[in-house]
Amino acid sequence: MNKHQKRTVYISIIALAFFLVLSLLTQQWGFFLWSLLPVFIVLMTTFSTTIDKRNKR
């Protein structure tokens, strides 16, 4: 992975941690559950570009 892809993974982990803490404090799990799909989509986009680059070699 390059520098930008690593940064994307770190930001995604931080976003999930933020929404997890927010959900724990408010006892409303909708915050965390609704953050899972966007983070999952971003991570799959990041990893699919990595896989595509490996296949082209």
PDB file of N, CA and C in Angstrom:
ATOM      1  N   MET A   1       0.843  -1.181   0.000  1.00  0.00           N
ATOM      2  CA  MET A   1       0.000   0.000   0.000  1.00  0.00           C
ATOM      3  C   MET A   1       0.885   1.240   0.000  1.00  0.00           C
ATOM      4  N   ASN A   2       0.407   2.248  -0.670  1.00  0.00           N
ATOM      5  CA  ASN A   2       1.168   3.490  -0.651  1.00  0.00           C
ATOM      6  C   ASN A   2       0.720   4.364   0.528  1.00  0.00           C
ATOM      7  N   LYS A   3       1.333   5.527   0.611  1.00  0.00           N
ATOM      8  CA  LYS A   3       1.114   6.415   1.756  1.00  0.00           C
ATOM      9  C   LYS A   3      -0.345   6.866   1.861  1.00  0.00           C
ATOM     10  N   HIS A   4      -0.960   7.164   0.738  1.00  0.00           N
ATOM     11  CA  HIS A   4      -2.342   7.648   0.759  1.00  0.00           C
ATOM     12  C   HIS A   4      -3.325   6.552   1.154  1.00  0.00           C
ATOM     13  N   GLN A   5      -3.069   5.335   0.741  1.00  0.00           N
ATOM     14  CA  GLN A   5      -3.945   4.240   1.114  1.00  0.00           C
ATOM     15  C   GLN A   5      -3.835   3.925   2.598  1.00  0.00           C
ATOM     16  N   LYS A   6      -2.619   3.994   3.147  1.00  0.00           N
ATOM     17  CA  LYS A   6      -2.454   3.790   4.592  1.00  0.00           C
ATOM     18  C   LYS A   6      -3.184   4.870   5.370  1.00  0.00           C
ATOM     19  N   ARG A   7      -3.102   6.097   4.888  1.00  0.00           N
ATOM     20  CA  ARG A   7      -3.785   7.202   5.552  1.00  0.00           C
ATOM     21  C   ARG A   7      -5.293   6.988   5.533  1.00  0.00           C
ATOM     22  N   THR A   8      -5.817   6.474   4.429  1.00  0.00           N
ATOM     23  CA  THR A   8      -7.247   6.198   4.323  1.00  0.00           C
ATOM     24  C   THR A   8      -7.681   5.145   5.335  1.00  0.00           C
ATOM     25  N   VAL A   9      -6.873   4.116   5.513  1.00  0.00           N
ATOM     26  CA  VAL A   9      -7.182   3.069   6.484  1.00  0.00           C
ATOM     27  C   VAL A   9      -7.180   3.642   7.898  1.00  0.00           C
ATOM     28  N   TYR A  10      -6.177   4.462   8.220  1.00  0.00           N
ATOM     29  CA  TYR A  10      -6.107   5.063   9.558  1.00  0.00           C
ATOM     30  C   TYR A  10      -7.305   5.976   9.823  1.00  0.00           C
ATOM     31  N   ILE A  11      -7.673   6.781   8.851  1.00  0.00           N
ATOM     32  CA  ILE A  11      -8.815   7.682   9.021  1.00  0.00           C
ATOM     33  C   ILE A  11     -10.104   6.880   9.195  1.00  0.00           C
ATOM     34  N   SER A  12     -10.240   5.778   8.476  1.00  0.00           N
ATOM     35  CA  SER A  12     -11.428   4.943   8.606  1.00  0.00           C
ATOM     36  C   SER A  12     -11.524   4.329  10.004  1.00  0.00           C
ATOM     37  N   ILE A  13     -10.383   3.883  10.524  1.00  0.00           N
ATOM     38  CA  ILE A  13     -10.370   3.319  11.878  1.00  0.00           C
ATOM     39  C   ILE A  13     -10.722   4.375  12.910  1.00  0.00           C
ATOM     40  N   ILE A  14     -10.186   5.577  12.734  1.00  0.00           N
ATOM     41  CA  ILE A  14     -10.487   6.667  13.666  1.00  0.00           C
ATOM     42  C   ILE A  14     -11.967   7.036  13.597  1.00  0.00           C
ATOM     43  N   ALA A  15     -12.537   7.063  12.395  1.00  0.00           N
ATOM     44  CA  ALA A  15     -13.958   7.389  12.246  1.00  0.00           C
ATOM     45  C   ALA A  15     -14.829   6.345  12.934  1.00  0.00           C
ATOM     46  N   LEU A  16     -14.498   5.064  12.752  1.00  0.00           N
ATOM     47  CA  LEU A  16     -15.267   4.014  13.429  1.00  0.00           C
ATOM     48  C   LEU A  16     -15.133   4.115  14.948  1.00  0.00           C
ATOM     49  N   ALA A  17     -13.936   4.403  15.426  1.00  0.00           N
ATOM     50  CA  ALA A  17     -13.726   4.542  16.868  1.00  0.00           C
ATOM     51  C   ALA A  17     -14.526   5.723  17.415  1.00  0.00           C
ATOM     52  N   PHE A  18     -14.545   6.828  16.667  1.00  0.00           N
ATOM     53  CA  PHE A  18     -15.313   7.998  17.097  1.00  0.00           C
ATOM     54  C   PHE A  18     -16.799   7.667  17.218  1.00  0.00           C
ATOM     55  N   PHE A  19     -17.345   7.024  16.193  1.00  0.00           N
ATOM     56  CA  PHE A  19     -18.770   6.696  16.242  1.00  0.00           C
ATOM     57  C   PHE A  19     -19.075   5.614  17.272  1.00  0.00           C
ATOM     58  N   LEU A  20     -18.127   4.750  17.546  1.00  0.00           N
ATOM     59  CA  LEU A  20     -18.321   3.753  18.599  1.00  0.00           C
ATOM     60  C   LEU A  20     -18.389   4.433  19.970  1.00  0.00           C
ATOM     61  N   VAL A  21     -17.479   5.362  20.215  1.00  0.00           N
ATOM     62  CA  VAL A  21     -17.485   6.094  21.492  1.00  0.00           C
ATOM     63  C   VAL A  21     -18.755   6.924  21.608  1.00  0.00           C
ATOM     64  N   LEU A  22     -19.141   7.582  20.517  1.00  0.00           N
ATOM     65  CA  LEU A  22     -20.369   8.376  20.528  1.00  0.00           C
ATOM     66  C   LEU A  22     -21.580   7.507  20.835  1.00  0.00           C
ATOM     67  N   SER A  23     -21.609   6.326  20.250  1.00  0.00           N
ATOM     68  CA  SER A  23     -22.729   5.411  20.502  1.00  0.00           C
ATOM     69  C   SER A  23     -22.722   4.889  21.930  1.00  0.00           C
ATOM     70  N   LEU A  24     -21.534   4.631  22.464  1.00  0.00           N
ATOM     71  CA  LEU A  24     -21.458   4.171  23.855  1.00  0.00           C
ATOM     72  C   LEU A  24     -21.918   5.257  24.821  1.00  0.00           C
ATOM     73  N   LEU A  25     -21.565   6.506  24.541  1.00  0.00           N
ATOM     74  CA  LEU A  25     -21.950   7.598  25.437  1.00  0.00           C
ATOM     75  C   LEU A  25     -23.434   7.919  25.361  1.00  0.00           C
ATOM     76  N   THR A  26     -24.015   7.864  24.168  1.00  0.00           N
ATOM     77  CA  THR A  26     -25.423   8.236  24.014  1.00  0.00           C
ATOM     78  C   THR A  26     -26.387   7.056  24.082  1.00  0.00           C
ATOM     79  N   GLN A  27     -25.849   5.835  24.032  1.00  0.00           N
ATOM     80  CA  GLN A  27     -26.667   4.617  24.029  1.00  0.00           C
ATOM     81  C   GLN A  27     -27.600   4.559  22.818  1.00  0.00           C
ATOM     82  N   GLN A  28     -27.227   5.245  21.743  1.00  0.00           N
ATOM     83  CA  GLN A  28     -27.970   5.174  20.492  1.00  0.00           C
ATOM     84  C   GLN A  28     -27.041   4.568  19.452  1.00  0.00           C
ATOM     85  N   TRP A  29     -27.249   3.312  19.143  1.00  0.00           N
ATOM     86  CA  TRP A  29     -26.329   2.566  18.294  1.00  0.00           C
ATOM     87  C   TRP A  29     -26.476   2.887  16.822  1.00  0.00           C
ATOM     88  N   GLY A  30     -27.437   3.720  16.487  1.00  0.00           N
ATOM     89  CA  GLY A  30     -27.613   4.121  15.103  1.00  0.00           C
ATOM     90  C   GLY A  30     -26.408   4.864  14.554  1.00  0.00           C
ATOM     91  N   PHE A  31     -25.736   5.655  15.404  1.00  0.00           N
ATOM     92  CA  PHE A  31     -24.548   6.381  14.959  1.00  0.00           C
ATOM     93  C   PHE A  31     -23.484   5.415  14.447  1.00  0.00           C
ATOM     94  N   PHE A  32     -23.210   4.394  15.224  1.00  0.00           N
ATOM     95  CA  PHE A  32     -22.175   3.432  14.854  1.00  0.00           C
ATOM     96  C   PHE A  32     -22.614   2.571  13.669  1.00  0.00           C
ATOM     97  N   LEU A  33     -23.850   2.110  13.714  1.00  0.00           N
ATOM     98  CA  LEU A  33     -24.324   1.220  12.656  1.00  0.00           C
ATOM     99  C   LEU A  33     -24.384   1.923  11.303  1.00  0.00           C
ATOM    100  N   TRP A  34     -24.802   3.201  11.296  1.00  0.00           N
ATOM    101  CA  TRP A  34     -24.863   3.934  10.040  1.00  0.00           C
ATOM    102  C   TRP A  34     -23.480   4.352   9.545  1.00  0.00           C
ATOM    103  N   SER A  35     -22.470   4.316  10.399  1.00  0.00           N
ATOM    104  CA  SER A  35     -21.119   4.647   9.945  1.00  0.00           C
ATOM    105  C   SER A  35     -20.410   3.436   9.344  1.00  0.00           C
ATOM    106  N   LEU A  36     -20.900   2.240   9.596  1.00  0.00           N
ATOM    107  CA  LEU A  36     -20.240   1.040   9.080  1.00  0.00           C
ATOM    108  C   LEU A  36     -20.250   0.974   7.558  1.00  0.00           C
ATOM    109  N   LEU A  37     -21.375   1.236   6.932  1.00  0.00           N
ATOM    110  CA  LEU A  37     -21.474   1.115   5.480  1.00  0.00           C
ATOM    111  C   LEU A  37     -20.563   2.104   4.741  1.00  0.00           C
ATOM    112  N   PRO A  38     -20.575   3.399   5.075  1.00  0.00           N
ATOM    113  CA  PRO A  38     -19.669   4.307   4.356  1.00  0.00           C
ATOM    114  C   PRO A  38     -18.194   3.957   4.550  1.00  0.00           C
ATOM    115  N   VAL A  39     -17.814   3.569   5.751  1.00  0.00           N
ATOM    116  CA  VAL A  39     -16.421   3.203   5.991  1.00  0.00           C
ATOM    117  C   VAL A  39     -16.076   1.930   5.224  1.00  0.00           C
ATOM    118  N   PHE A  40     -16.983   0.980   5.188  1.00  0.00           N
ATOM    119  CA  PHE A  40     -16.762  -0.246   4.438  1.00  0.00           C
ATOM    120  C   PHE A  40     -16.581   0.053   2.947  1.00  0.00           C
ATOM    121  N   ILE A  41     -17.395   0.944   2.405  1.00  0.00           N
ATOM    122  CA  ILE A  41     -17.288   1.303   0.988  1.00  0.00           C
ATOM    123  C   ILE A  41     -15.945   1.974   0.701  1.00  0.00           C
ATOM    124  N   VAL A  42     -15.510   2.862   1.575  1.00  0.00           N
ATOM    125  CA  VAL A  42     -14.224   3.527   1.379  1.00  0.00           C
ATOM    126  C   VAL A  42     -13.080   2.520   1.433  1.00  0.00           C
ATOM    127  N   LEU A  43     -13.120   1.607   2.381  1.00  0.00           N
ATOM    128  CA  LEU A  43     -12.048   0.613   2.489  1.00  0.00           C
ATOM    129  C   LEU A  43     -12.036  -0.348   1.298  1.00  0.00           C
ATOM    130  N   MET A  44     -13.208  -0.736   0.825  1.00  0.00           N
ATOM    131  CA  MET A  44     -13.244  -1.627  -0.337  1.00  0.00           C
ATOM    132  C   MET A  44     -12.720  -0.916  -1.579  1.00  0.00           C
ATOM    133  N   THR A  45     -13.000   0.362  -1.720  1.00  0.00           N
ATOM    134  CA  THR A  45     -12.458   1.134  -2.837  1.00  0.00           C
ATOM    135  C   THR A  45     -10.946   1.204  -2.746  1.00  0.00           C
ATOM    136  N   THR A  46     -10.436   1.425  -1.553  1.00  0.00           N
ATOM    137  CA  THR A  46      -8.991   1.500  -1.351  1.00  0.00           C
ATOM    138  C   THR A  46      -8.323   0.181  -1.678  1.00  0.00           C
ATOM    139  N   PHE A  47      -8.884  -0.921  -1.189  1.00  0.00           N
ATOM    140  CA  PHE A  47      -8.262  -2.213  -1.425  1.00  0.00           C
ATOM    141  C   PHE A  47      -8.477  -2.712  -2.849  1.00  0.00           C
ATOM    142  N   SER A  48      -9.565  -2.305  -3.497  1.00  0.00           N
ATOM    143  CA  SER A  48      -9.764  -2.744  -4.880  1.00  0.00           C
ATOM    144  C   SER A  48      -8.768  -2.082  -5.813  1.00  0.00           C
ATOM    145  N   THR A  49      -8.373  -0.855  -5.546  1.00  0.00           N
ATOM    146  CA  THR A  49      -7.350  -0.223  -6.378  1.00  0.00           C
ATOM    147  C   THR A  49      -6.000  -0.886  -6.158  1.00  0.00           C
ATOM    148  N   THR A  50      -5.732  -1.357  -4.957  1.00  0.00           N
ATOM    149  CA  THR A  50      -4.488  -2.069  -4.685  1.00  0.00           C
ATOM    150  C   THR A  50      -4.466  -3.396  -5.434  1.00  0.00           C
ATOM    151  N   ILE A  51      -5.583  -4.107  -5.441  1.00  0.00           N
ATOM    152  CA  ILE A  51      -5.661  -5.387  -6.137  1.00  0.00           C
ATOM    153  C   ILE A  51      -5.533  -5.193  -7.642  1.00  0.00           C
ATOM    154  N   ASP A  52      -6.182  -4.136  -8.179  1.00  0.00           N
ATOM    155  CA  ASP A  52      -6.082  -3.862  -9.609  1.00  0.00           C
ATOM    156  C   ASP A  52      -4.650  -3.570 -10.031  1.00  0.00           C
ATOM    157  N   LYS A  53      -3.928  -2.834  -9.218  1.00  0.00           N
ATOM    158  CA  LYS A  53      -2.532  -2.515  -9.554  1.00  0.00           C
ATOM    159  C   LYS A  53      -1.675  -3.762  -9.540  1.00  0.00           C
ATOM    160  N   ARG A  54      -1.939  -4.687  -8.632  1.00  0.00           N
ATOM    161  CA  ARG A  54      -1.164  -5.917  -8.576  1.00  0.00           C
ATOM    162  C   ARG A  54      -1.449  -6.819  -9.768  1.00  0.00           C
ATOM    163  N   ASN A  55      -2.695  -6.838 -10.219  1.00  0.00           N
ATOM    164  CA  ASN A  55      -3.071  -7.686 -11.354  1.00  0.00           C
ATOM    165  C   ASN A  55      -2.500  -7.173 -12.672  1.00  0.00           C
ATOM    166  N   LYS A  56      -2.247  -5.879 -12.781  1.00  0.00           N
ATOM    167  CA  LYS A  56      -1.738  -5.300 -14.023  1.00  0.00           C
ATOM    168  C   LYS A  56      -0.245  -5.543 -14.187  1.00  0.00           C
ATOM    169  N   ARG A  57       0.442  -5.916 -13.139  1.00  0.00           N
ATOM    170  CA  ARG A  57       1.883  -6.151 -13.232  1.00  0.00           C
ATOM    171  C   ARG A  57       2.205  -7.397 -13.961  1.00  0.00           C
TER     172      ARG A  57
END
